[in-house]
Amino acid sequence: MSGRLRMAGLLPVLKNTLAYNCLEPLKQKPARPRSLCLYVTYRCNMRCRICGIWRKEPLQPSEELTSEELLRLLADPLFANLEFININGGEPNLRTDLPDIMHGLIRQFPSLKRLSLNTNGLPPDRVVKNVDLTSRLCELAGIHFSASVSVHGLGAEFDKIAGIEDAFPRVKTTLAGLKEVQRLHPFFLSANCVICSLNLDQLDALRAWGHAEGIPVNFALGEVRPRFLNEAMAADILIPQDGRKKVVRFLRTLALAKKEYLQHAFRYASLAEMLEFEKKRTMACHYALGGVVLGSRGELFYCKNSLSIGNARKNSALDIYYDTHNLKFRQEEIIGKTCGTCPPYSFNQIEIEKEIFRVLAYLLFSS
């Protein structure tokens, strides 16, 4: 029976691999999204030197979608095929109704396979309580749940990046609480580190810290994005020329640790190539294959680098997504120009389905 179950789970993956590599490139329009990145708020209790999204904090509470309004917008046919939802911000846990949103998403999307939460870990009590509740709900519904906590440095160095005092001790308190929850209701707990000019000397220490804590650390390159209002922070974000060799060496070390990082070893190798030789991105992106972003004010985006293509408060999300003018923008400006320079920060199931043969070849034959 277990063999049949494994085969039953493998067949959809192989079907998607075939579709992404052979059928989807022939289509004139993208498929409806399987993946949603949901910015539930732009409010944040940190003042990071690498992100200015908190500057989008609402002037009035009515600017932010209520939980009822959000779930009503997500009833649009565009979102009918969702299997993967990422909750993001700002700091999602600043919303007092975050548990209502999580519960509503689980009820509303019977095909949901994975639900993930990105958080800065503050405030500790609320983060731990919300993760505890969500992990219980997902366990009952048979949904894979994961939580990722931002850790861009250690000790006082993290506080400098976070822009507030005593950030690191409080984040450590959160992580300890989450590990306790994890023992009772299994979920995937990780840390996310944005590699930037401010933490180049702490990368090896961060990796060692993750090993010691039993918390996998995902490393991603810092980016300047207009939507994140961090253009003025470019000097703190982008890797200086004299620091590139150090980052490339670090990424190649991660790329060689295949047993530890699995498909992410392939991603780290790709990142090293892009940074060292300024090569174009060749890795798949789940937004190009089947993803969408919804902002906390109803704005719709094709990806995290996209300009807003409309507001789902005013028009059908399906109509916005497939608007002829918007599709032209998607093809010419995003896929045609931006995708090639966008460093991969994730390697989720959709991307693996597209790249499965390249990943296997890398894991088996590269050195």
Protein backbone atom coordinates (compact mmCIF):
# COMPACT_ATOMS: atom_id res chain seq x y z
CA MET A 1 0.00 0.00 0.00
CA SER A 2 2.81 2.45 0.86
CA GLY A 3 4.33 1.86 -2.57
CA ARG A 4 0.99 2.69 -4.20
CA LEU A 5 0.71 5.86 -2.13
CA ARG A 6 4.21 6.97 -3.12
CA MET A 7 3.41 6.30 -6.76
CA ALA A 8 0.13 8.21 -6.43
CA GLY A 9 2.10 11.19 -5.10
CA LEU A 10 4.75 10.90 -7.78
CA LEU A 11 2.42 10.84 -10.77
CA PRO A 12 1.16 14.46 -10.40
CA VAL A 13 4.77 15.63 -10.09
CA LEU A 14 5.77 13.86 -13.30
CA LYS A 15 2.66 15.21 -15.00
CA ASN A 16 3.63 18.76 -14.02
CA THR A 17 7.23 18.18 -15.10
CA LEU A 18 5.96 17.19 -18.55
CA ALA A 19 3.57 20.14 -18.68
CA TYR A 20 6.15 22.75 -17.64
CA ASN A 21 8.83 21.51 -20.01
CA CYS A 22 6.76 20.55 -23.05
CA LEU A 23 3.22 21.93 -22.99
CA GLU A 24 3.20 25.27 -21.13
CA PRO A 25 5.82 26.91 -23.43
CA LEU A 26 3.43 26.37 -26.34
CA LYS A 27 0.50 28.16 -24.69
CA GLN A 28 -0.33 31.78 -25.43
CA LYS A 29 -1.44 32.52 -21.86
CA PRO A 30 -0.12 31.44 -18.46
CA ALA A 31 -1.99 28.86 -16.43
CA ARG A 32 -4.00 29.94 -13.41
CA PRO A 33 -1.74 30.29 -10.37
CA ARG A 34 -0.98 27.33 -8.15
CA SER A 35 1.00 29.55 -5.78
CA LEU A 36 0.09 32.76 -3.93
CA CYS A 37 2.30 35.12 -1.96
CA LEU A 38 -0.07 37.02 0.32
CA TYR A 39 1.10 40.24 1.95
CA VAL A 40 -1.40 40.51 4.79
CA THR A 41 0.10 43.77 6.07
CA TYR A 42 2.84 46.29 5.35
CA ARG A 43 3.08 47.21 9.04
CA CYS A 44 6.32 46.16 10.68
CA ASN A 45 7.85 46.43 14.14
CA MET A 46 11.41 46.46 12.81
CA ARG A 47 13.17 49.20 10.88
CA CYS A 48 15.53 47.06 8.83
CA ARG A 49 18.36 48.70 6.93
CA ILE A 50 17.66 46.40 3.96
CA CYS A 51 13.88 46.80 3.63
CA GLY A 52 11.63 49.84 3.63
CA ILE A 53 8.30 48.10 3.22
CA TRP A 54 7.21 49.42 6.63
CA ARG A 55 7.01 52.86 5.00
CA LYS A 56 3.83 51.58 3.33
CA GLU A 57 2.08 51.36 6.69
CA PRO A 58 -1.59 52.30 6.23
CA LEU A 59 -2.64 55.83 7.09
CA GLN A 60 -6.09 54.52 7.94
CA PRO A 61 -7.19 51.03 9.04
CA SER A 62 -9.58 50.86 6.07
CA GLU A 63 -6.62 50.80 3.67
CA GLU A 64 -5.80 47.27 4.81
CA LEU A 65 -8.03 44.40 3.75
CA THR A 66 -10.09 42.95 6.58
CA SER A 67 -9.96 39.19 6.99
CA GLU A 68 -13.50 38.91 5.59
CA GLU A 69 -12.68 41.13 2.61
CA LEU A 70 -9.47 39.23 1.94
CA LEU A 71 -11.20 35.85 1.86
CA ARG A 72 -13.92 37.30 -0.35
CA LEU A 73 -11.32 38.52 -2.86
CA LEU A 74 -9.67 35.10 -2.80
CA ALA A 75 -12.97 33.51 -3.85
CA ASP A 76 -12.29 34.93 -7.33
CA PRO A 77 -11.84 32.20 -10.00
CA LEU A 78 -8.20 33.23 -10.48
CA PHE A 79 -7.33 31.55 -7.18
CA ALA A 80 -9.36 28.35 -7.70
CA ASN A 81 -6.28 26.17 -8.30
CA LEU A 82 -4.15 27.33 -5.36
CA GLU A 83 -2.02 24.61 -3.75
CA PHE A 84 0.67 26.73 -2.07
CA ILE A 85 0.16 29.91 -0.02
CA ASN A 86 2.89 32.00 1.59
CA ILE A 87 1.88 34.55 4.25
CA ASN A 88 4.18 37.55 4.21
CA GLY A 89 4.49 41.19 5.27
CA GLY A 90 5.56 43.55 6.87
CA GLU A 91 5.14 41.49 9.98
CA PRO A 92 2.07 39.26 9.59
CA ASN A 93 1.73 38.67 13.32
CA LEU A 94 0.93 42.34 13.90
CA ARG A 95 -2.52 41.49 12.57
CA THR A 96 -4.67 40.46 15.51
CA ASP A 97 -6.89 38.52 13.10
CA LEU A 98 -4.06 36.45 11.58
CA PRO A 99 -5.49 33.22 13.08
CA ASP A 100 -8.83 34.00 11.38
CA ILE A 101 -7.02 34.45 8.06
CA MET A 102 -5.09 31.19 8.44
CA HIS A 103 -8.21 29.28 9.44
CA GLY A 104 -10.16 30.82 6.55
CA LEU A 105 -7.50 29.88 4.01
CA ILE A 106 -7.49 26.27 5.18
CA ARG A 107 -11.28 26.07 4.94
CA GLN A 108 -11.52 27.90 1.61
CA PHE A 109 -8.90 25.97 -0.37
CA PRO A 110 -9.48 22.20 -0.25
CA SER A 111 -6.57 21.63 -2.66
CA LEU A 112 -4.11 23.47 -0.42
CA LYS A 113 -0.96 21.40 0.11
CA ARG A 114 1.44 23.82 1.77
CA LEU A 115 0.98 26.89 3.93
CA SER A 116 4.01 28.94 4.95
CA LEU A 117 4.61 31.96 7.16
CA ASN A 118 7.45 34.47 6.95
CA THR A 119 8.01 36.39 10.16
CA ASN A 120 10.64 38.54 11.86
CA GLY A 121 9.80 36.73 15.11
CA LEU A 122 8.37 39.70 17.02
CA PRO A 123 6.50 39.89 19.28
CA PRO A 124 7.54 36.46 20.63
CA ASP A 125 4.36 35.54 22.51
CA ARG A 126 2.05 36.29 19.61
CA VAL A 127 4.28 34.59 17.02
CA VAL A 128 4.53 31.40 19.08
CA LYS A 129 0.78 31.39 19.80
CA ASN A 130 -0.14 31.88 16.13
CA VAL A 131 2.30 29.24 14.89
CA ASP A 132 1.01 26.81 17.52
CA LEU A 133 -2.58 27.33 16.38
CA THR A 134 -1.74 27.15 12.67
CA SER A 135 0.38 24.03 13.06
CA ARG A 136 -2.55 22.33 14.82
CA LEU A 137 -5.00 23.35 12.08
CA CYS A 138 -2.66 22.20 9.32
CA GLU A 139 -1.98 18.92 11.07
CA LEU A 140 -5.71 18.20 11.21
CA ALA A 141 -6.19 19.20 7.56
CA GLY A 142 -3.19 17.24 6.26
CA ILE A 143 -1.44 20.41 5.07
CA HIS A 144 2.33 20.86 5.28
CA PHE A 145 3.05 23.97 7.37
CA SER A 146 6.34 25.85 7.61
CA ALA A 147 7.52 28.99 9.39
CA SER A 148 10.62 30.97 8.51
CA VAL A 149 12.12 33.54 10.88
CA SER A 150 14.39 36.29 9.57
CA VAL A 151 17.90 36.09 11.06
CA HIS A 152 20.34 38.28 9.14
CA GLY A 153 23.09 38.33 11.77
CA LEU A 154 24.00 37.33 15.31
CA GLY A 155 23.86 39.38 18.48
CA ALA A 156 24.45 43.11 18.19
CA GLU A 157 25.13 42.77 14.46
CA PHE A 158 21.58 41.58 13.92
CA ASP A 159 20.23 44.49 15.97
CA LYS A 160 22.08 46.91 13.70
CA ILE A 161 20.46 45.41 10.61
CA ALA A 162 17.03 45.18 12.27
CA GLY A 163 17.24 48.85 13.27
CA ILE A 164 15.88 48.28 16.80
CA GLU A 165 17.43 47.44 20.17
CA ASP A 166 17.47 43.94 21.67
CA ALA A 167 16.05 42.37 18.53
CA PHE A 168 18.28 39.29 18.61
CA PRO A 169 17.52 38.21 22.22
CA ARG A 170 13.79 38.48 21.51
CA VAL A 171 14.08 36.53 18.26
CA LYS A 172 16.00 33.83 20.16
CA THR A 173 13.10 33.68 22.64
CA THR A 174 10.70 33.21 19.72
CA LEU A 175 12.79 30.44 18.19
CA ALA A 176 12.99 28.61 21.51
CA GLY A 177 9.19 28.80 21.80
CA LEU A 178 8.71 27.60 18.24
CA LYS A 179 10.96 24.61 18.84
CA GLU A 180 8.74 23.67 21.78
CA VAL A 181 5.67 23.88 19.53
CA GLN A 182 7.50 21.81 16.93
CA ARG A 183 7.88 18.94 19.41
CA LEU A 184 4.12 18.77 19.91
CA HIS A 185 2.86 19.59 16.42
CA PRO A 186 5.50 18.93 13.76
CA PHE A 187 6.07 21.70 11.23
CA PHE A 188 9.12 22.86 9.30
CA LEU A 189 11.02 25.62 11.09
CA SER A 190 13.80 27.51 9.34
CA ALA A 191 15.64 30.82 9.40
CA ASN A 192 16.05 33.15 6.47
CA CYS A 193 19.22 35.21 6.00
CA VAL A 194 19.47 37.93 3.38
CA ILE A 195 23.11 38.22 2.31
CA CYS A 196 23.97 41.92 2.19
CA SER A 197 26.94 44.22 2.63
CA LEU A 198 26.23 44.43 6.37
CA ASN A 199 26.66 40.73 7.25
CA LEU A 200 29.43 39.45 4.96
CA ASP A 201 31.65 38.63 7.93
CA GLN A 202 28.94 36.63 9.70
CA LEU A 203 27.84 34.17 7.02
CA ASP A 204 29.95 31.24 8.24
CA ALA A 205 28.92 31.97 11.83
CA LEU A 206 25.25 32.06 10.81
CA ARG A 207 25.56 28.70 9.13
CA ALA A 208 27.30 27.25 12.21
CA TRP A 209 24.63 28.78 14.45
CA GLY A 210 21.91 27.08 12.40
CA HIS A 211 23.66 23.73 12.77
CA ALA A 212 24.02 24.19 16.52
CA GLU A 213 20.37 25.20 16.93
CA GLY A 214 19.02 22.53 14.60
CA ILE A 215 17.41 25.24 12.48
CA PRO A 216 18.15 25.17 8.71
CA VAL A 217 19.21 28.58 7.41
CA ASN A 218 18.18 29.64 3.92
CA PHE A 219 20.54 32.16 2.34
CA ALA A 220 19.33 34.61 -0.31
CA LEU A 221 20.98 37.58 -2.01
CA GLY A 222 19.75 41.01 -1.01
CA GLU A 223 17.85 42.89 -3.69
CA VAL A 224 16.75 46.44 -4.34
CA ARG A 225 13.08 46.41 -5.31
CA PRO A 226 10.96 49.52 -5.88
CA ARG A 227 7.98 47.82 -4.20
CA PHE A 228 10.03 47.41 -1.02
CA LEU A 229 10.94 51.11 -0.96
CA ASN A 230 14.59 50.25 -0.37
CA GLU A 231 16.31 52.03 -3.29
CA ALA A 232 17.94 54.48 -0.86
CA MET A 233 19.33 51.49 1.08
CA ALA A 234 21.27 50.08 -1.88
CA ALA A 235 24.68 50.60 -0.23
CA ASP A 236 23.60 48.43 2.72
CA ILE A 237 21.97 45.78 0.53
CA LEU A 238 24.09 45.13 -2.54
CA ILE A 239 27.35 43.19 -2.30
CA PRO A 240 30.31 45.55 -2.90
CA GLN A 241 32.80 44.54 -5.55
CA ASP A 242 35.48 43.73 -2.99
CA GLY A 243 33.08 41.43 -1.13
CA ARG A 244 31.92 39.36 -4.08
CA LYS A 245 34.71 36.79 -3.91
CA LYS A 246 33.89 36.09 -0.27
CA VAL A 247 30.19 35.57 -1.03
CA VAL A 248 30.93 33.42 -4.09
CA ARG A 249 33.22 31.20 -2.00
CA PHE A 250 30.52 30.86 0.64
CA LEU A 251 27.84 29.98 -1.91
CA ARG A 252 30.09 27.40 -3.56
CA THR A 253 30.71 25.82 -0.14
CA LEU A 254 26.96 25.49 0.30
CA ALA A 255 26.61 24.15 -3.24
CA LEU A 256 29.03 21.31 -2.45
CA ALA A 257 27.05 20.27 0.64
CA LYS A 258 24.57 18.27 -1.44
CA LYS A 259 23.40 15.91 1.30
CA GLU A 260 22.66 18.86 3.55
CA TYR A 261 20.97 21.21 1.11
CA LEU A 262 19.64 18.82 -1.59
CA GLN A 263 17.93 20.89 -4.32
CA HIS A 264 19.12 24.11 -2.68
CA ALA A 265 22.72 23.06 -3.41
CA PHE A 266 21.78 23.45 -7.07
CA ARG A 267 20.30 26.90 -6.30
CA TYR A 268 23.43 28.01 -4.46
CA ALA A 269 25.58 26.89 -7.39
CA SER A 270 23.37 28.93 -9.72
CA LEU A 271 23.61 31.98 -7.43
CA ALA A 272 27.40 31.71 -7.38
CA GLU A 273 27.49 31.64 -11.19
CA MET A 274 25.25 34.69 -11.44
CA LEU A 275 27.27 36.67 -8.91
CA GLU A 276 30.76 35.71 -10.08
CA PHE A 277 30.27 35.85 -13.84
CA GLU A 278 27.18 38.10 -14.04
CA LYS A 279 25.38 35.34 -15.89
CA LYS A 280 21.69 35.43 -16.67
CA ARG A 281 19.36 33.39 -14.50
CA THR A 282 18.56 29.98 -15.95
CA MET A 283 16.65 28.53 -12.98
CA ALA A 284 12.87 28.27 -13.10
CA CYS A 285 10.70 30.71 -11.14
CA HIS A 286 7.38 29.66 -9.66
CA TYR A 287 5.88 33.05 -10.48
CA ALA A 288 6.61 32.58 -14.18
CA LEU A 289 5.25 29.03 -14.03
CA GLY A 290 2.16 29.61 -11.93
CA GLY A 291 2.26 32.23 -9.18
CA VAL A 292 0.80 35.57 -8.17
CA VAL A 293 1.18 38.17 -5.41
CA LEU A 294 -1.70 39.87 -3.57
CA GLY A 295 -0.97 42.95 -1.47
CA SER A 296 -2.67 43.97 1.76
CA ARG A 297 -4.62 46.71 -0.04
CA GLY A 298 -5.89 44.45 -2.80
CA GLU A 299 -3.09 45.14 -5.29
CA LEU A 300 -2.25 42.33 -7.68
CA PHE A 301 1.28 41.62 -8.95
CA TYR A 302 2.66 39.00 -11.31
CA CYS A 303 5.68 38.56 -9.03
CA LYS A 304 7.70 40.34 -6.35
CA ASN A 305 9.46 42.42 -9.00
CA SER A 306 6.26 43.37 -10.81
CA LEU A 307 4.50 46.68 -10.77
CA SER A 308 0.88 46.52 -9.67
CA ILE A 309 -1.33 45.30 -12.52
CA GLY A 310 -4.61 46.29 -10.88
CA ASN A 311 -6.61 46.14 -7.67
CA ALA A 312 -8.82 43.16 -6.83
CA ARG A 313 -10.98 45.43 -4.68
CA LYS A 314 -12.13 47.18 -7.84
CA ASN A 315 -12.04 44.50 -10.53
CA SER A 316 -12.04 40.73 -10.84
CA ALA A 317 -8.58 39.31 -10.15
CA LEU A 318 -9.08 36.91 -13.07
CA ASP A 319 -9.80 39.80 -15.45
CA ILE A 320 -6.78 41.74 -14.17
CA TYR A 321 -4.41 38.78 -14.48
CA TYR A 322 -5.46 38.00 -18.06
CA ASP A 323 -5.88 41.57 -19.27
CA THR A 324 -4.20 41.85 -22.70
CA HIS A 325 -2.16 44.91 -21.70
CA ASN A 326 -1.01 43.23 -18.47
CA LEU A 327 -0.03 40.01 -20.25
CA LYS A 328 2.08 42.05 -22.65
CA PHE A 329 3.78 43.74 -19.68
CA ARG A 330 4.36 40.31 -18.11
CA GLN A 331 5.94 38.88 -21.23
CA GLU A 332 8.01 41.84 -22.40
CA GLU A 333 9.05 43.57 -19.18
CA ILE A 334 9.13 40.83 -16.55
CA ILE A 335 9.96 37.60 -18.38
CA GLY A 336 11.79 39.36 -21.20
CA LYS A 337 13.93 41.68 -19.06
CA THR A 338 13.66 41.31 -15.28
CA CYS A 339 13.70 37.50 -14.93
CA GLY A 340 17.22 37.17 -16.28
CA THR A 341 18.74 39.24 -13.47
CA CYS A 342 16.51 38.09 -10.59
CA PRO A 343 18.52 35.88 -8.19
CA PRO A 344 16.60 32.76 -7.07
CA TYR A 345 15.74 32.97 -3.37
CA SER A 346 13.62 29.81 -3.18
CA PHE A 347 13.36 26.34 -4.66
CA ASN A 348 9.81 25.21 -4.01
CA GLN A 349 7.82 22.31 -5.42
CA ILE A 350 6.71 24.11 -8.58
CA GLU A 351 10.30 25.05 -9.40
CA ILE A 352 11.53 21.53 -8.61
CA GLU A 353 8.92 20.06 -10.94
CA LYS A 354 10.30 22.17 -13.77
CA GLU A 355 13.97 21.56 -12.96
CA ILE A 356 13.88 17.96 -11.69
CA PHE A 357 16.19 16.55 -14.37
CA ARG A 358 18.77 19.35 -14.03
CA VAL A 359 18.72 18.99 -10.25
CA LEU A 360 19.22 15.23 -10.40
CA ALA A 361 22.07 15.64 -12.86
CA TYR A 362 23.71 18.19 -10.56
CA LEU A 363 23.33 16.05 -7.44
CA LEU A 364 24.58 12.91 -9.16
CA PHE A 365 27.33 14.08 -11.47
CA SER A 366 28.68 17.53 -10.53
CA SER A 367 31.68 18.00 -8.27
